[in-house]
């Protein structure tokens, strides 16, 4: 690790590794023992100096060290895209999974939505731009319409028909 640090610093400052050692070498005192290491101190007006230290860690075996090898349980939350997919509803026409299969339309970058200048933007572009998202969950029909540049054919299904309130 020390070698990696000194090579990184040498490359950053455009000096040799030996000059890094000469410039930043320090003796670090830990519990009465002296260790060789690297140290940088930046003095500041009216404040304590900033000190960055590498080294000074005794690498001795500690038989009494506690072992913490239990796996911690995490409650993972679903991402926004996962929740949108699990809703099983087309975000353009409102069709549900029961009527058609659900697919995801993806664009490379949000800036691609700006290429529709001088004319009215399609509904799917307006939805993605308003949400600032690169993905749109769609039914198969809406996805094929977007992929092939056809105008939107379906009317938005009312919430009462989809079973939502």
N, C-alpha and C. Protein backbone atom coordinates (compact mmCIF):
# COMPACT_ATOMS: atom_id res chain seq x y z
N UNK A 1 0.83 -1.19 0.00
CA UNK A 1 0.00 0.00 0.00
C UNK A 1 0.88 1.26 0.00
N UNK A 2 1.95 1.20 0.75
CA UNK A 2 2.84 2.36 0.82
C UNK A 2 3.45 2.65 -0.55
N UNK A 3 3.84 1.60 -1.23
CA UNK A 3 4.43 1.76 -2.56
C UNK A 3 3.41 2.36 -3.53
N UNK A 4 2.18 1.90 -3.45
CA UNK A 4 1.12 2.44 -4.30
C UNK A 4 0.89 3.91 -4.00
N UNK A 5 0.87 4.27 -2.71
CA UNK A 5 0.70 5.67 -2.31
C UNK A 5 1.83 6.55 -2.84
N UNK A 6 3.06 6.11 -2.67
CA UNK A 6 4.19 6.93 -3.10
C UNK A 6 4.24 7.07 -4.62
N UNK A 7 3.88 6.01 -5.35
CA UNK A 7 3.86 6.10 -6.81
C UNK A 7 2.76 7.04 -7.28
N UNK A 8 1.61 7.01 -6.60
CA UNK A 8 0.51 7.91 -6.95
C UNK A 8 0.92 9.36 -6.70
N UNK A 9 1.51 9.63 -5.54
CA UNK A 9 1.96 10.98 -5.23
C UNK A 9 3.05 11.46 -6.19
N UNK A 10 3.97 10.56 -6.53
CA UNK A 10 5.04 10.92 -7.46
C UNK A 10 4.46 11.28 -8.82
N UNK A 11 3.49 10.51 -9.27
CA UNK A 11 2.86 10.80 -10.56
C UNK A 11 2.09 12.11 -10.51
N UNK A 12 1.37 12.33 -9.42
CA UNK A 12 0.57 13.55 -9.29
C UNK A 12 1.45 14.80 -9.25
N UNK A 13 2.54 14.75 -8.51
CA UNK A 13 3.43 15.91 -8.36
C UNK A 13 4.56 15.95 -9.39
N UNK A 14 4.59 14.93 -10.27
CA UNK A 14 5.60 14.82 -11.32
C UNK A 14 7.03 14.87 -10.75
N UNK A 15 7.23 14.03 -9.74
CA UNK A 15 8.55 13.87 -9.12
C UNK A 15 8.82 12.38 -8.99
N UNK A 16 10.02 12.01 -8.58
CA UNK A 16 10.36 10.60 -8.43
C UNK A 16 9.85 10.08 -7.09
N UNK A 17 9.77 8.77 -6.98
CA UNK A 17 9.31 8.13 -5.74
C UNK A 17 10.27 8.44 -4.60
N UNK A 18 11.57 8.46 -4.88
CA UNK A 18 12.54 8.75 -3.82
C UNK A 18 12.37 10.17 -3.30
N UNK A 19 12.01 11.11 -4.17
CA UNK A 19 11.77 12.48 -3.72
C UNK A 19 10.51 12.57 -2.86
N UNK A 20 9.52 11.71 -3.14
CA UNK A 20 8.31 11.67 -2.31
C UNK A 20 8.69 11.22 -0.91
N UNK A 21 9.52 10.18 -0.82
CA UNK A 21 9.96 9.71 0.50
C UNK A 21 10.73 10.81 1.24
N UNK A 22 11.62 11.51 0.53
CA UNK A 22 12.40 12.58 1.18
C UNK A 22 11.50 13.72 1.65
N UNK A 23 10.51 14.05 0.85
CA UNK A 23 9.64 15.20 1.15
C UNK A 23 8.66 14.91 2.29
N UNK A 24 8.10 13.69 2.33
CA UNK A 24 7.02 13.40 3.28
C UNK A 24 7.37 12.43 4.40
N UNK A 25 8.65 11.96 4.49
CA UNK A 25 8.99 10.99 5.53
C UNK A 25 8.85 11.61 6.91
N UNK A 26 8.44 10.77 7.86
CA UNK A 26 8.24 11.24 9.23
C UNK A 26 8.37 10.06 10.17
N UNK A 27 8.73 10.37 11.43
CA UNK A 27 8.72 9.35 12.48
C UNK A 27 7.45 9.56 13.29
N UNK A 28 6.66 8.53 13.37
CA UNK A 28 5.37 8.63 14.05
C UNK A 28 5.46 7.90 15.38
N UNK A 29 5.09 8.59 16.46
CA UNK A 29 5.18 8.04 17.81
C UNK A 29 3.83 7.46 18.20
N UNK A 30 3.80 6.14 18.45
CA UNK A 30 2.57 5.46 18.87
C UNK A 30 2.88 4.71 20.16
N UNK A 31 2.28 5.16 21.25
CA UNK A 31 2.44 4.54 22.57
C UNK A 31 3.91 4.35 22.93
N UNK A 32 4.71 5.36 22.69
CA UNK A 32 6.11 5.32 23.07
C UNK A 32 7.03 4.66 22.05
N UNK A 33 6.49 4.06 21.01
CA UNK A 33 7.32 3.44 19.99
C UNK A 33 7.31 4.33 18.74
N UNK A 34 8.45 4.35 18.08
CA UNK A 34 8.58 5.17 16.88
C UNK A 34 8.46 4.27 15.64
N UNK A 35 7.65 4.76 14.68
CA UNK A 35 7.44 4.05 13.42
C UNK A 35 7.75 4.99 12.27
N UNK A 36 8.26 4.43 11.17
CA UNK A 36 8.50 5.22 9.98
C UNK A 36 7.19 5.30 9.20
N UNK A 37 6.94 6.48 8.64
CA UNK A 37 5.72 6.67 7.86
C UNK A 37 5.82 7.92 7.00
N UNK A 38 4.70 8.32 6.47
CA UNK A 38 4.63 9.52 5.65
C UNK A 38 3.64 10.47 6.30
N UNK A 39 3.95 11.78 6.26
CA UNK A 39 3.08 12.73 6.92
C UNK A 39 3.13 14.08 6.19
N UNK A 40 1.95 14.68 6.05
CA UNK A 40 1.84 16.01 5.44
C UNK A 40 1.09 16.89 6.42
N UNK A 41 1.62 18.09 6.66
CA UNK A 41 0.97 19.04 7.56
C UNK A 41 0.70 20.34 6.81
N UNK A 42 -0.55 20.80 6.88
CA UNK A 42 -0.94 22.06 6.24
C UNK A 42 -1.35 23.01 7.35
N UNK A 43 -0.59 24.09 7.51
CA UNK A 43 -0.91 25.06 8.57
C UNK A 43 -1.99 26.02 8.07
N UNK A 44 -2.87 26.46 9.04
CA UNK A 44 -3.97 27.37 8.71
C UNK A 44 -4.03 28.48 9.74
N UNK A 45 -4.45 29.64 9.32
CA UNK A 45 -4.54 30.78 10.23
C UNK A 45 -5.71 30.61 11.19
N UNK A 46 -5.45 30.74 12.49
CA UNK A 46 -6.51 30.69 13.49
C UNK A 46 -7.12 29.32 13.71
N UNK A 47 -6.57 28.28 13.12
CA UNK A 47 -7.10 26.92 13.28
C UNK A 47 -5.95 25.96 13.49
N UNK A 48 -6.31 24.75 13.95
CA UNK A 48 -5.30 23.72 14.08
C UNK A 48 -4.85 23.28 12.69
N UNK A 49 -3.59 22.89 12.54
CA UNK A 49 -3.12 22.46 11.22
C UNK A 49 -3.77 21.13 10.81
N UNK A 50 -3.94 20.96 9.52
CA UNK A 50 -4.44 19.69 8.97
C UNK A 50 -3.25 18.74 8.85
N UNK A 51 -3.42 17.52 9.34
CA UNK A 51 -2.35 16.54 9.31
C UNK A 51 -2.86 15.26 8.68
N UNK A 52 -2.21 14.83 7.60
CA UNK A 52 -2.51 13.56 6.96
C UNK A 52 -1.34 12.63 7.22
N UNK A 53 -1.62 11.45 7.80
CA UNK A 53 -0.56 10.53 8.18
C UNK A 53 -0.80 9.16 7.55
N UNK A 54 0.26 8.55 7.05
CA UNK A 54 0.19 7.18 6.59
C UNK A 54 1.25 6.41 7.35
N UNK A 55 0.82 5.30 7.97
CA UNK A 55 1.75 4.48 8.74
C UNK A 55 1.50 4.66 10.22
N UNK A 56 2.40 4.15 11.04
CA UNK A 56 2.26 4.27 12.48
C UNK A 56 1.27 3.29 13.07
N UNK A 57 0.98 2.23 12.35
CA UNK A 57 0.06 1.21 12.86
C UNK A 57 0.89 -0.02 13.20
N UNK A 58 0.93 -0.38 14.48
CA UNK A 58 1.69 -1.59 14.82
C UNK A 58 0.97 -2.84 14.31
N UNK A 59 1.69 -3.66 13.59
CA UNK A 59 1.11 -4.88 13.04
C UNK A 59 1.43 -6.07 13.95
N UNK A 60 0.91 -6.02 15.17
CA UNK A 60 1.14 -7.10 16.13
C UNK A 60 -0.12 -7.95 16.24
N UNK A 61 0.08 -9.19 16.60
CA UNK A 61 -1.01 -10.15 16.74
C UNK A 61 -1.74 -9.90 18.05
N UNK A 62 -3.07 -9.76 17.98
CA UNK A 62 -3.87 -9.53 19.18
C UNK A 62 -4.80 -10.73 19.36
N UNK A 63 -4.43 -11.62 20.30
CA UNK A 63 -5.20 -12.85 20.53
C UNK A 63 -6.55 -12.53 21.15
N UNK A 64 -6.67 -11.43 21.87
CA UNK A 64 -7.91 -11.11 22.57
C UNK A 64 -8.88 -10.28 21.72
N UNK A 65 -8.56 -10.05 20.46
CA UNK A 65 -9.44 -9.24 19.60
C UNK A 65 -10.76 -9.96 19.38
N UNK A 66 -11.88 -9.25 19.49
CA UNK A 66 -13.18 -9.89 19.27
C UNK A 66 -13.39 -10.20 17.78
N UNK A 67 -14.03 -11.34 17.52
CA UNK A 67 -14.29 -11.75 16.14
C UNK A 67 -15.75 -11.43 15.83
N UNK A 68 -15.94 -10.61 14.83
CA UNK A 68 -17.30 -10.23 14.41
C UNK A 68 -17.51 -10.76 13.00
N UNK A 69 -17.92 -12.02 12.90
CA UNK A 69 -18.09 -12.62 11.58
C UNK A 69 -19.55 -12.96 11.27
N UNK A 70 -20.49 -12.35 11.98
CA UNK A 70 -21.89 -12.60 11.69
C UNK A 70 -22.36 -11.70 10.56
N UNK A 71 -23.19 -12.26 9.69
CA UNK A 71 -23.74 -11.48 8.59
C UNK A 71 -24.82 -10.55 9.12
N UNK A 72 -24.75 -9.29 8.74
CA UNK A 72 -25.76 -8.34 9.16
C UNK A 72 -26.93 -8.41 8.19
N UNK A 73 -28.13 -8.34 8.74
CA UNK A 73 -29.34 -8.37 7.92
C UNK A 73 -29.68 -6.95 7.49
N UNK A 74 -29.91 -6.77 6.21
CA UNK A 74 -30.30 -5.47 5.69
C UNK A 74 -31.69 -5.57 5.08
N UNK A 75 -32.49 -4.54 5.29
CA UNK A 75 -33.81 -4.47 4.68
C UNK A 75 -33.66 -3.63 3.40
N UNK A 76 -33.49 -4.32 2.28
CA UNK A 76 -33.30 -3.61 1.02
C UNK A 76 -34.63 -3.06 0.54
N UNK A 77 -34.61 -1.81 0.14
CA UNK A 77 -35.81 -1.20 -0.43
C UNK A 77 -35.76 -1.38 -1.94
N UNK A 78 -36.91 -1.50 -2.52
CA UNK A 78 -36.96 -1.65 -3.97
C UNK A 78 -36.67 -0.31 -4.64
N UNK A 79 -36.02 -0.38 -5.79
CA UNK A 79 -35.72 0.83 -6.52
C UNK A 79 -37.00 1.36 -7.17
N UNK A 80 -36.94 2.59 -7.61
CA UNK A 80 -38.11 3.20 -8.26
C UNK A 80 -38.51 2.40 -9.50
N UNK A 81 -37.54 1.96 -10.29
CA UNK A 81 -37.84 1.19 -11.49
C UNK A 81 -38.51 -0.14 -11.14
N UNK A 82 -38.01 -0.81 -10.08
CA UNK A 82 -38.63 -2.07 -9.66
C UNK A 82 -40.09 -1.86 -9.27
N UNK A 83 -40.36 -0.78 -8.52
CA UNK A 83 -41.74 -0.50 -8.11
C UNK A 83 -42.62 -0.21 -9.32
N UNK A 84 -42.08 0.51 -10.30
CA UNK A 84 -42.85 0.81 -11.51
C UNK A 84 -43.14 -0.46 -12.31
N UNK A 85 -42.17 -1.37 -12.37
CA UNK A 85 -42.37 -2.64 -13.07
C UNK A 85 -43.39 -3.51 -12.36
N UNK A 86 -43.31 -3.57 -11.03
CA UNK A 86 -44.23 -4.40 -10.26
C UNK A 86 -45.66 -3.88 -10.30
N UNK A 87 -45.85 -2.60 -10.65
CA UNK A 87 -47.20 -2.06 -10.78
C UNK A 87 -47.92 -2.69 -11.96
N UNK A 88 -47.16 -3.24 -12.93
CA UNK A 88 -47.72 -3.93 -14.09
C UNK A 88 -48.72 -3.06 -14.86
N UNK A 89 -48.40 -1.77 -15.01
CA UNK A 89 -49.28 -0.84 -15.71
C UNK A 89 -48.47 -0.04 -16.72
N UNK A 90 -49.04 0.12 -17.93
CA UNK A 90 -48.40 0.94 -18.95
C UNK A 90 -48.46 2.40 -18.51
N UNK A 91 -47.33 3.08 -18.53
CA UNK A 91 -47.28 4.47 -18.08
C UNK A 91 -47.75 5.45 -19.13
N UNK A 92 -48.05 4.97 -20.35
CA UNK A 92 -48.55 5.85 -21.38
C UNK A 92 -50.06 5.71 -21.57
N UNK A 93 -50.56 4.47 -21.68
CA UNK A 93 -51.99 4.31 -21.95
C UNK A 93 -52.75 3.76 -20.75
N UNK A 94 -52.07 3.24 -19.74
CA UNK A 94 -52.73 2.74 -18.54
C UNK A 94 -53.15 1.28 -18.60
N UNK A 95 -52.80 0.56 -19.67
CA UNK A 95 -53.16 -0.85 -19.79
C UNK A 95 -52.45 -1.65 -18.69
N UNK A 96 -53.12 -2.70 -18.22
CA UNK A 96 -52.52 -3.52 -17.16
C UNK A 96 -51.97 -4.81 -17.74
N UNK A 97 -51.24 -5.56 -16.94
CA UNK A 97 -50.61 -6.82 -17.36
C UNK A 97 -51.64 -7.83 -17.82
N UNK A 98 -52.85 -7.73 -17.27
CA UNK A 98 -53.89 -8.70 -17.63
C UNK A 98 -54.25 -8.60 -19.10
N UNK A 99 -54.08 -7.41 -19.69
CA UNK A 99 -54.46 -7.24 -21.09
C UNK A 99 -53.29 -7.40 -22.05
N UNK A 100 -52.08 -7.11 -21.62
CA UNK A 100 -50.91 -7.21 -22.50
C UNK A 100 -49.65 -7.34 -21.67
N UNK A 101 -48.54 -7.73 -22.31
CA UNK A 101 -47.29 -7.85 -21.54
C UNK A 101 -46.62 -6.49 -21.40
N UNK A 102 -45.89 -6.32 -20.31
CA UNK A 102 -45.26 -5.05 -19.97
C UNK A 102 -43.79 -5.10 -20.38
N UNK A 103 -43.30 -4.01 -21.00
CA UNK A 103 -41.91 -3.89 -21.45
C UNK A 103 -41.35 -2.56 -20.98
N UNK A 104 -40.04 -2.39 -21.08
CA UNK A 104 -39.40 -1.14 -20.67
C UNK A 104 -38.74 -0.50 -21.88
N UNK A 105 -39.08 0.77 -22.13
CA UNK A 105 -38.42 1.55 -23.18
C UNK A 105 -37.31 2.34 -22.52
N UNK A 106 -36.13 2.35 -23.15
CA UNK A 106 -34.95 2.99 -22.55
C UNK A 106 -34.27 3.86 -23.60
N UNK A 107 -33.85 5.06 -23.19
CA UNK A 107 -33.07 5.92 -24.07
C UNK A 107 -31.66 6.02 -23.52
N UNK A 108 -30.70 6.40 -24.37
CA UNK A 108 -29.30 6.46 -23.94
C UNK A 108 -29.05 7.59 -22.95
N UNK A 109 -29.64 8.77 -23.24
CA UNK A 109 -29.39 9.93 -22.38
C UNK A 109 -30.60 10.85 -22.39
N UNK A 110 -30.79 11.58 -21.30
CA UNK A 110 -31.92 12.51 -21.22
C UNK A 110 -31.80 13.62 -22.27
N UNK A 111 -30.57 13.96 -22.66
CA UNK A 111 -30.40 15.01 -23.66
C UNK A 111 -30.98 14.60 -25.02
N UNK A 112 -31.18 13.29 -25.25
CA UNK A 112 -31.78 12.82 -26.49
C UNK A 112 -33.24 13.27 -26.61
N UNK A 113 -33.86 13.61 -25.49
CA UNK A 113 -35.26 14.05 -25.52
C UNK A 113 -35.38 15.46 -26.08
N UNK A 114 -34.28 16.20 -26.16
CA UNK A 114 -34.32 17.58 -26.66
C UNK A 114 -34.24 17.67 -28.17
N UNK A 115 -34.10 16.56 -28.89
CA UNK A 115 -33.95 16.64 -30.34
C UNK A 115 -35.27 16.89 -31.06
N UNK A 116 -36.36 16.96 -30.33
CA UNK A 116 -37.67 17.21 -30.91
C UNK A 116 -37.97 18.71 -30.89
N UNK A 117 -37.11 19.52 -31.49
CA UNK A 117 -37.29 20.97 -31.48
C UNK A 117 -38.13 21.40 -32.67
N UNK A 118 -38.90 22.47 -32.49
CA UNK A 118 -39.67 23.02 -33.60
C UNK A 118 -40.97 22.30 -33.88
N UNK A 119 -41.26 21.25 -33.16
CA UNK A 119 -42.53 20.54 -33.34
C UNK A 119 -42.99 20.04 -31.98
N UNK A 120 -44.22 19.63 -31.90
CA UNK A 120 -44.74 19.15 -30.62
C UNK A 120 -44.10 17.81 -30.28
N UNK A 121 -43.66 17.70 -29.06
CA UNK A 121 -43.01 16.47 -28.62
C UNK A 121 -44.07 15.38 -28.43
N UNK A 122 -43.74 14.14 -28.79
CA UNK A 122 -44.67 13.04 -28.56
C UNK A 122 -44.97 12.89 -27.06
N UNK A 123 -46.08 12.22 -26.77
CA UNK A 123 -46.50 12.07 -25.37
C UNK A 123 -45.44 11.36 -24.55
N UNK A 124 -44.81 10.32 -25.10
CA UNK A 124 -43.82 9.56 -24.33
C UNK A 124 -42.61 10.43 -23.99
N UNK A 125 -42.23 11.34 -24.88
CA UNK A 125 -41.10 12.24 -24.61
C UNK A 125 -41.48 13.20 -23.49
N UNK A 126 -42.71 13.71 -23.52
CA UNK A 126 -43.18 14.63 -22.48
C UNK A 126 -43.18 13.93 -21.12
N UNK A 127 -43.62 12.67 -21.07
CA UNK A 127 -43.66 11.92 -19.81
C UNK A 127 -42.25 11.73 -19.26
N UNK A 128 -41.32 11.29 -20.13
CA UNK A 128 -39.95 11.03 -19.69
C UNK A 128 -39.25 12.33 -19.27
N UNK A 129 -39.50 13.42 -19.99
CA UNK A 129 -38.87 14.70 -19.66
C UNK A 129 -39.41 15.23 -18.33
N UNK A 130 -40.71 15.08 -18.11
CA UNK A 130 -41.31 15.56 -16.86
C UNK A 130 -40.78 14.78 -15.66
N UNK A 131 -40.59 13.49 -15.83
CA UNK A 131 -40.08 12.64 -14.73
C UNK A 131 -38.58 12.69 -14.62
N UNK A 132 -37.90 13.15 -15.66
CA UNK A 132 -36.44 13.15 -15.74
C UNK A 132 -35.90 11.73 -15.54
N UNK A 133 -36.48 10.80 -16.30
CA UNK A 133 -36.08 9.40 -16.25
C UNK A 133 -35.78 8.90 -17.66
N UNK A 134 -34.81 7.98 -17.75
CA UNK A 134 -34.42 7.41 -19.03
C UNK A 134 -35.23 6.17 -19.38
N UNK A 135 -36.11 5.73 -18.50
CA UNK A 135 -36.90 4.54 -18.75
C UNK A 135 -38.38 4.86 -18.68
N UNK A 136 -39.17 4.05 -19.40
CA UNK A 136 -40.62 4.20 -19.41
C UNK A 136 -41.20 2.79 -19.47
N UNK A 137 -42.06 2.43 -18.52
CA UNK A 137 -42.69 1.10 -18.49
C UNK A 137 -43.93 1.16 -19.38
N UNK A 138 -43.96 0.31 -20.41
CA UNK A 138 -45.02 0.38 -21.43
C UNK A 138 -45.60 -1.00 -21.73
N UNK A 139 -46.81 -0.99 -22.30
CA UNK A 139 -47.37 -2.23 -22.83
C UNK A 139 -46.69 -2.49 -24.18
N UNK A 140 -46.85 -3.69 -24.71
CA UNK A 140 -46.17 -4.07 -25.95
C UNK A 140 -46.58 -3.15 -27.11
N UNK A 141 -47.86 -2.82 -27.21
CA UNK A 141 -48.34 -1.99 -28.32
C UNK A 141 -47.72 -0.61 -28.29
N UNK A 142 -47.73 0.04 -27.12
CA UNK A 142 -47.14 1.38 -26.99
C UNK A 142 -45.64 1.34 -27.25
N UNK A 143 -44.97 0.30 -26.78
CA UNK A 143 -43.53 0.18 -26.99
C UNK A 143 -43.20 0.06 -28.48
N UNK A 144 -43.95 -0.75 -29.21
CA UNK A 144 -43.72 -0.91 -30.64
C UNK A 144 -44.03 0.39 -31.39
N UNK A 145 -45.07 1.12 -30.95
CA UNK A 145 -45.38 2.42 -31.57
C UNK A 145 -44.21 3.38 -31.41
N UNK A 146 -43.63 3.43 -30.22
CA UNK A 146 -42.50 4.33 -29.97
C UNK A 146 -41.28 3.89 -30.77
N UNK A 147 -40.98 2.59 -30.77
CA UNK A 147 -39.81 2.07 -31.47
C UNK A 147 -39.88 2.36 -32.97
N UNK A 148 -41.09 2.29 -33.55
CA UNK A 148 -41.23 2.45 -35.00
C UNK A 148 -41.70 3.85 -35.39
N UNK A 149 -41.78 4.78 -34.42
CA UNK A 149 -42.11 6.17 -34.73
C UNK A 149 -43.55 6.42 -35.10
N UNK A 150 -44.45 5.52 -34.72
CA UNK A 150 -45.86 5.73 -35.04
C UNK A 150 -46.50 6.63 -33.99
N UNK A 151 -47.52 7.40 -34.38
CA UNK A 151 -48.21 8.23 -33.39
C UNK A 151 -48.96 7.37 -32.39
N UNK A 152 -49.20 7.95 -31.23
CA UNK A 152 -49.88 7.23 -30.14
C UNK A 152 -51.30 6.88 -30.58
N UNK A 153 -51.68 5.58 -30.49
CA UNK A 153 -52.99 5.15 -30.98
C UNK A 153 -54.02 4.98 -29.89
N UNK A 154 -53.62 4.52 -28.72
CA UNK A 154 -54.57 4.21 -27.66
C UNK A 154 -54.92 5.43 -26.84
N UNK A 155 -56.14 5.49 -26.36
CA UNK A 155 -56.52 6.50 -25.40
C UNK A 155 -56.16 5.99 -24.02
N UNK A 156 -55.90 6.90 -23.12
CA UNK A 156 -55.54 6.50 -21.76
C UNK A 156 -56.74 5.79 -21.14
N UNK A 157 -56.53 4.60 -20.59
CA UNK A 157 -57.59 3.82 -19.97
C UNK A 157 -57.96 4.48 -18.65
N UNK A 158 -59.25 4.61 -18.39
CA UNK A 158 -59.66 5.24 -17.14
C UNK A 158 -59.28 4.37 -15.96
N UNK A 159 -59.07 4.98 -14.82
CA UNK A 159 -58.64 4.25 -13.62
C UNK A 159 -59.69 3.27 -13.17
N UNK A 160 -60.94 3.57 -13.41
CA UNK A 160 -62.00 2.66 -12.96
C UNK A 160 -61.93 1.34 -13.72
N UNK A 161 -61.49 1.36 -14.99
CA UNK A 161 -61.38 0.13 -15.77
C UNK A 161 -60.18 -0.70 -15.34
N UNK A 162 -59.13 -0.07 -14.83
CA UNK A 162 -57.94 -0.80 -14.45
C UNK A 162 -58.04 -1.34 -13.02
N UNK A 163 -59.11 -0.97 -12.31
CA UNK A 163 -59.29 -1.48 -10.96
C UNK A 163 -58.67 -0.60 -9.90
N UNK A 164 -58.10 0.57 -10.29
CA UNK A 164 -57.49 1.47 -9.31
C UNK A 164 -58.53 2.47 -8.87
N UNK A 165 -58.37 2.99 -7.68
CA UNK A 165 -59.28 4.02 -7.19
C UNK A 165 -58.56 5.29 -6.92
